[in-house]
């Protein structure tokens, strides 16, 4: 199986407006696929179409190598877990009792409750009423429910939404462990680009309903050229020398920004500037963040 999820020309139109337009996803087995884009870009709608919660206007969806139809949708989705929007729960019941209801509906073994509670680190709070849970604990309970049945594929829509920094870190650690330790493929959507940078292996970026990038996180960073930041006490001299040698640069306040280069080339340019009296005090290689890359791809800032 080449792809766990593959969509071709997937569209969703509401009235005269496309929420998703010709979206073609390719999600490899065993990856954490970050589905990125600003609020309203079409992430949730795309995931709901994959899960059969929203009917596509056009296009094809394949899961586990099979085209999803009304006839086989339920069977295919048996191996899929999801957490879309806020998790549902009964506040007057304990965490374990909530999972017991879902376990019964899914028809899975009771021992799986202990397993998923351990995965999401809720063993110590399983007997507490869910109405007493923090937002982070409720999100983890929702993830535990999605993990019941040991799905091969997990779709998580904005799982860090509303969490504090500690909760975001905890959720990120949980998700990034799932492929290696439990053999799952994870599709996770978010507008928090900096968080995705530390969690995913593959990336799809959607903007205004259209895919604008898809590939590995590593290749995305390779495409994004960084810069060399040079601080010279004698900036005027530094500028004159760079002009004389036809070096490209940009003045950024007290610093000079030069195109990214190899370590040998950095050493050469710094030696040249220092020899002419530019008085270099600080040199730093700067890599672009995902926010910078998004801005370069779309020409606008992402909503964070």
Protein backbone atom coordinates (compact mmCIF):
# COMPACT_ATOMS: atom_id res chain seq x y z
CA UNK A 1 0.00 0.00 0.00
CA UNK A 2 1.61 3.25 -1.14
CA UNK A 3 -0.68 5.67 0.71
CA UNK A 4 -2.92 5.35 3.77
CA UNK A 5 -5.01 8.28 2.52
CA UNK A 6 -5.13 9.51 -1.05
CA UNK A 7 -7.57 12.07 -2.42
CA UNK A 8 -7.86 13.24 -6.00
CA UNK A 9 -9.60 16.47 -7.02
CA UNK A 10 -11.52 16.59 -3.73
CA UNK A 11 -13.96 19.52 -3.63
CA UNK A 12 -16.63 20.86 -1.31
CA UNK A 13 -18.82 23.71 -2.43
CA UNK A 14 -21.30 25.60 -0.26
CA UNK A 15 -23.52 27.70 -2.50
CA UNK A 16 -21.22 29.53 -4.90
CA UNK A 17 -18.14 29.27 -2.68
CA UNK A 18 -15.60 26.45 -2.52
CA UNK A 19 -14.53 25.50 0.99
CA UNK A 20 -12.15 22.91 -0.51
CA UNK A 21 -11.08 22.95 -4.15
CA UNK A 22 -9.25 20.13 -5.96
CA UNK A 23 -7.44 18.94 -2.84
CA UNK A 24 -5.10 16.01 -3.54
CA UNK A 25 -3.65 14.48 -0.38
CA UNK A 26 -1.06 11.71 -0.26
CA UNK A 27 -0.36 10.39 3.24
CA UNK A 28 2.33 7.73 3.59
CA UNK A 29 2.00 4.79 6.03
CA UNK A 30 3.72 5.34 9.37
CA UNK A 31 4.05 9.11 9.20
CA UNK A 32 2.70 12.00 11.25
CA UNK A 33 1.16 14.17 8.55
CA UNK A 34 0.74 17.80 9.54
CA UNK A 35 -2.22 19.38 7.73
CA UNK A 36 -1.49 23.07 8.07
CA UNK A 37 -3.23 26.30 7.26
CA UNK A 38 -4.97 29.30 8.81
CA UNK A 39 -8.43 29.12 10.34
CA UNK A 40 -11.02 28.72 7.59
CA UNK A 41 -8.55 27.25 5.09
CA UNK A 42 -10.58 24.03 4.66
CA UNK A 43 -8.74 21.66 7.02
CA UNK A 44 -11.74 20.50 9.06
CA UNK A 45 -13.97 20.17 5.99
CA UNK A 46 -11.36 18.00 4.25
CA UNK A 47 -11.01 15.72 7.29
CA UNK A 48 -14.79 15.43 7.65
CA UNK A 49 -15.06 14.40 3.99
CA UNK A 50 -12.41 11.72 4.54
CA UNK A 51 -14.42 10.40 7.50
CA UNK A 52 -17.73 10.51 5.62
CA UNK A 53 -19.18 13.22 7.88
CA UNK A 54 -19.50 15.64 4.96
CA UNK A 55 -20.46 14.66 1.41
CA UNK A 56 -17.90 15.83 -1.19
CA UNK A 57 -19.10 17.92 -4.11
CA UNK A 58 -16.57 16.18 -6.35
CA UNK A 59 -13.43 14.05 -6.20
CA UNK A 60 -12.22 10.66 -5.00
CA UNK A 61 -11.13 9.43 -1.57
CA UNK A 62 -9.02 6.30 -1.09
CA UNK A 63 -8.22 4.89 2.37
CA UNK A 64 -5.92 1.88 2.80
CA UNK A 65 -5.69 1.74 -0.99
CA UNK A 66 -9.47 1.32 -1.49
CA UNK A 67 -11.81 3.87 -2.96
CA UNK A 68 -14.35 4.82 -0.30
CA UNK A 69 -17.97 4.27 -1.33
CA UNK A 70 -21.27 4.13 0.54
CA UNK A 71 -21.04 0.33 0.36
CA UNK A 72 -17.62 -0.07 2.02
CA UNK A 73 -17.30 3.15 4.06
CA UNK A 74 -18.27 1.65 7.43
CA UNK A 75 -15.94 -1.32 7.00
CA UNK A 76 -12.98 0.88 6.07
CA UNK A 77 -13.62 3.30 8.93
CA UNK A 78 -13.51 0.47 11.48
CA UNK A 79 -9.71 0.78 11.30
CA UNK A 80 -9.83 4.56 11.66
CA UNK A 81 -9.90 6.66 14.83
CA UNK A 82 -10.72 10.35 14.95
CA UNK A 83 -10.93 13.38 17.17
CA UNK A 84 -12.77 16.11 15.28
CA UNK A 85 -13.47 19.40 17.04
CA UNK A 86 -14.19 19.08 20.81
CA UNK A 87 -14.37 15.56 22.27
CA UNK A 88 -17.80 14.40 23.45
CA UNK A 89 -18.17 13.03 26.95
CA UNK A 90 -20.60 12.53 29.87
CA UNK A 91 -19.46 14.90 32.60
CA UNK A 92 -21.21 13.02 35.42
CA UNK A 93 -19.33 9.81 34.58
CA UNK A 94 -15.69 8.99 35.22
CA UNK A 95 -13.09 8.88 32.49
CA UNK A 96 -13.10 5.10 32.58
CA UNK A 97 -16.92 4.91 32.43
CA UNK A 98 -16.90 7.16 29.35
CA UNK A 99 -14.41 4.86 27.67
CA UNK A 100 -16.47 1.82 28.66
CA UNK A 101 -19.44 3.20 26.70
CA UNK A 102 -17.30 3.76 23.60
CA UNK A 103 -15.64 0.35 24.01
CA UNK A 104 -19.06 -1.30 24.01
CA UNK A 105 -20.14 0.62 20.90
CA UNK A 106 -16.95 -0.35 19.07
CA UNK A 107 -17.12 -3.95 20.28
CA UNK A 108 -13.53 -4.11 21.47
CA UNK A 109 -11.93 -5.88 24.44
CA UNK A 110 -12.21 -4.35 27.93
CA UNK A 111 -8.46 -4.63 28.42
CA UNK A 112 -7.97 -2.00 25.73
CA UNK A 113 -9.27 0.63 28.15
CA UNK A 114 -6.23 0.05 30.36
CA UNK A 115 -3.96 0.25 27.32
CA UNK A 116 -5.31 3.56 25.99
CA UNK A 117 -5.39 5.12 29.47
CA UNK A 118 -1.71 4.27 29.76
CA UNK A 119 -0.92 5.69 26.31
CA UNK A 120 -2.55 9.05 27.12
CA UNK A 121 -1.29 9.00 30.73
CA UNK A 122 -4.68 9.16 32.42
CA UNK A 123 -4.35 6.05 34.60
CA UNK A 124 -4.26 8.17 37.75
CA UNK A 125 -7.37 10.18 36.84
CA UNK A 126 -9.55 7.41 35.36
CA UNK A 127 -11.89 7.31 38.39
CA UNK A 128 -12.42 11.07 38.50
CA UNK A 129 -15.63 12.61 37.09
CA UNK A 130 -14.93 14.08 33.67
CA UNK A 131 -16.56 17.40 34.64
CA UNK A 132 -13.64 17.80 37.05
CA UNK A 133 -11.06 17.27 34.27
CA UNK A 134 -8.92 20.11 32.97
CA UNK A 135 -9.17 20.96 29.27
CA UNK A 136 -5.93 19.07 28.63
CA UNK A 137 -7.26 15.96 30.39
CA UNK A 138 -10.47 16.12 28.34
CA UNK A 139 -8.41 16.30 25.13
CA UNK A 140 -6.39 13.28 26.25
CA UNK A 141 -9.62 11.42 27.07
CA UNK A 142 -10.84 12.20 23.54
CA UNK A 143 -7.59 10.84 22.16
CA UNK A 144 -7.97 7.69 24.30
CA UNK A 145 -11.46 7.16 22.85
CA UNK A 146 -10.08 7.53 19.33
CA UNK A 147 -7.38 4.95 20.08
CA UNK A 148 -9.86 2.26 21.19
CA UNK A 149 -9.90 -0.52 18.64
CA UNK A 150 -6.22 0.00 17.78
CA UNK A 151 -6.87 1.93 14.56
CA UNK A 152 -4.32 1.89 11.77
CA UNK A 153 -5.16 5.48 10.95
CA UNK A 154 -5.84 8.40 13.29
CA UNK A 155 -7.28 11.78 12.26
CA UNK A 156 -6.93 14.59 14.79
CA UNK A 157 -8.40 18.02 14.10
CA UNK A 158 -6.69 20.80 16.09
CA UNK A 159 -5.94 18.54 19.10
CA UNK A 160 -3.93 21.27 20.87
CA UNK A 161 -6.66 23.92 20.56
CA UNK A 162 -7.14 25.80 23.84
CA UNK A 163 -4.37 23.99 25.69
CA UNK A 164 -1.75 25.77 27.78
CA UNK A 165 1.95 25.37 26.83
CA UNK A 166 2.36 22.33 29.10
CA UNK A 167 -0.74 20.68 27.60
CA UNK A 168 0.46 21.37 24.06
CA UNK A 169 3.84 19.80 24.85
CA UNK A 170 2.16 16.73 26.35
CA UNK A 171 -0.21 16.26 23.40
CA UNK A 172 2.64 16.75 20.95
CA UNK A 173 4.74 14.07 22.68
CA UNK A 174 1.81 11.64 22.67
CA UNK A 175 1.10 12.10 18.96
CA UNK A 176 4.72 11.89 17.80
CA UNK A 177 5.12 8.55 19.64
CA UNK A 178 2.14 6.83 17.98
CA UNK A 179 3.72 5.70 14.68
CA UNK A 180 6.87 4.22 16.21
CA UNK A 181 5.36 2.59 19.28
CA UNK A 182 1.89 1.64 18.02
CA UNK A 183 2.28 1.40 14.24
CA UNK A 184 -0.28 4.09 13.51
CA UNK A 185 -0.41 6.68 10.76
CA UNK A 186 -1.53 10.07 12.07
CA UNK A 187 -3.06 13.01 10.23
CA UNK A 188 -3.14 16.06 12.49
CA UNK A 189 -4.43 19.49 11.53
CA UNK A 190 -3.39 22.76 13.11
CA UNK A 191 -2.82 26.46 12.52
CA UNK A 192 -0.03 26.40 15.14
CA UNK A 193 2.81 26.09 12.68
CA UNK A 194 5.57 26.25 15.28
CA UNK A 195 4.09 23.26 17.11
CA UNK A 196 3.81 21.21 13.93
CA UNK A 197 7.47 21.91 13.19
CA UNK A 198 8.38 19.81 16.23
CA UNK A 199 5.91 16.96 15.73
CA UNK A 200 5.32 15.98 12.11
CA UNK A 201 7.37 14.17 9.47
CA UNK A 202 5.25 15.09 6.43
CA UNK A 203 3.43 18.32 5.65
CA UNK A 204 0.47 19.46 3.59
CA UNK A 205 -0.27 23.19 3.53
CA UNK A 206 -3.73 24.37 2.52
CA UNK A 207 -4.80 27.96 1.96
CA UNK A 208 -8.25 29.16 0.85
CA UNK A 209 -9.24 25.56 0.10
CA UNK A 210 -6.26 24.80 -2.17
CA UNK A 211 -3.16 22.73 -1.48
CA UNK A 212 -0.07 24.91 -1.89
CA UNK A 213 2.59 22.46 -0.66
CA UNK A 214 2.88 18.75 0.09
CA UNK A 215 5.96 16.73 0.98
CA UNK A 216 8.35 15.90 3.80
CA UNK A 217 9.07 18.45 6.51
CA UNK A 218 12.76 18.04 5.74
CA UNK A 219 12.28 18.97 2.08
CA UNK A 220 10.12 21.93 3.06
CA UNK A 221 12.95 23.29 5.18
CA UNK A 222 15.44 22.59 2.41
CA UNK A 223 13.37 24.73 0.08
CA UNK A 224 13.38 27.59 2.54
CA UNK A 225 16.68 29.40 2.29
CA UNK A 226 17.98 30.80 5.54
CA UNK A 227 20.24 33.82 5.97
CA UNK A 228 23.55 34.82 7.54
CA UNK A 229 23.16 37.61 10.09
CA UNK A 230 26.30 39.69 10.57
CA UNK A 231 26.70 42.44 13.17
CA UNK A 232 29.48 44.92 12.39
CA UNK A 233 30.41 47.84 14.64
CA UNK A 234 31.49 49.67 11.49
CA UNK A 235 28.48 48.96 9.30
CA UNK A 236 29.39 51.56 6.71
CA UNK A 237 32.72 49.87 6.06
CA UNK A 238 31.04 46.47 5.88
CA UNK A 239 28.51 47.76 3.33
CA UNK A 240 31.28 49.30 1.19
CA UNK A 241 33.26 46.04 1.16
CA UNK A 242 30.20 43.95 0.29
CA UNK A 243 29.35 46.35 -2.55
CA UNK A 244 32.90 46.17 -3.88
CA UNK A 245 32.74 42.35 -3.95
CA UNK A 246 29.21 42.39 -5.41
CA UNK A 247 27.85 40.43 -2.45
CA UNK A 248 24.06 40.41 -1.97
CA UNK A 249 22.92 41.72 1.39
CA UNK A 250 20.08 43.50 3.17
CA UNK A 251 20.35 45.97 6.04
CA UNK A 252 18.21 44.97 9.02
CA UNK A 253 18.70 47.67 11.65
CA UNK A 254 22.16 47.20 13.15
CA UNK A 255 22.64 43.89 11.29
CA UNK A 256 23.42 42.82 7.76
CA UNK A 257 21.56 39.83 6.30
CA UNK A 258 23.42 37.83 3.64
CA UNK A 259 22.18 34.77 1.69
CA UNK A 260 22.73 31.36 3.31
CA UNK A 261 26.12 29.78 2.53
CA UNK A 262 28.46 26.96 3.55
CA UNK A 263 30.66 27.14 6.66
CA UNK A 264 33.75 27.70 4.47
CA UNK A 265 32.02 30.59 2.68
CA UNK A 266 30.95 32.09 6.02
CA UNK A 267 34.56 31.98 7.19
CA UNK A 268 35.73 33.64 3.97
CA UNK A 269 33.28 36.55 4.12
CA UNK A 270 33.89 37.19 7.83
CA UNK A 271 37.68 37.14 7.27
CA UNK A 272 37.29 39.58 4.37
CA UNK A 273 35.15 42.01 6.42
CA UNK A 274 37.37 41.81 9.49
CA UNK A 275 40.56 42.40 7.45
CA UNK A 276 39.12 45.67 6.11
CA UNK A 277 38.18 46.98 9.58
CA UNK A 278 34.42 46.27 9.68
CA UNK A 279 34.84 45.06 13.28
CA UNK A 280 32.59 41.96 13.25
CA UNK A 281 31.19 41.14 16.70
CA UNK A 282 28.49 38.58 15.95
CA UNK A 283 27.66 36.08 13.18
CA UNK A 284 24.57 33.86 13.18
CA UNK A 285 23.01 31.44 10.68
CA UNK A 286 19.24 31.93 10.70
CA UNK A 287 16.85 29.22 9.53
CA UNK A 288 13.33 30.07 8.42
CA UNK A 289 10.51 28.89 10.63
CA UNK A 290 7.32 27.36 9.23
CA UNK A 291 5.68 30.77 9.73
CA UNK A 292 8.29 32.33 7.43
CA UNK A 293 7.79 29.55 4.88
CA UNK A 294 4.02 29.98 4.95
CA UNK A 295 4.42 33.71 4.36
CA UNK A 296 6.74 33.00 1.42
CA UNK A 297 4.25 30.51 -0.10
CA UNK A 298 1.10 32.56 0.37
CA UNK A 299 2.31 36.15 0.50
CA UNK A 300 0.45 36.75 3.76
CA UNK A 301 0.81 36.11 7.46
CA UNK A 302 -0.87 33.07 8.95
CA UNK A 303 -3.37 33.49 11.77
CA UNK A 304 -1.83 32.14 14.96
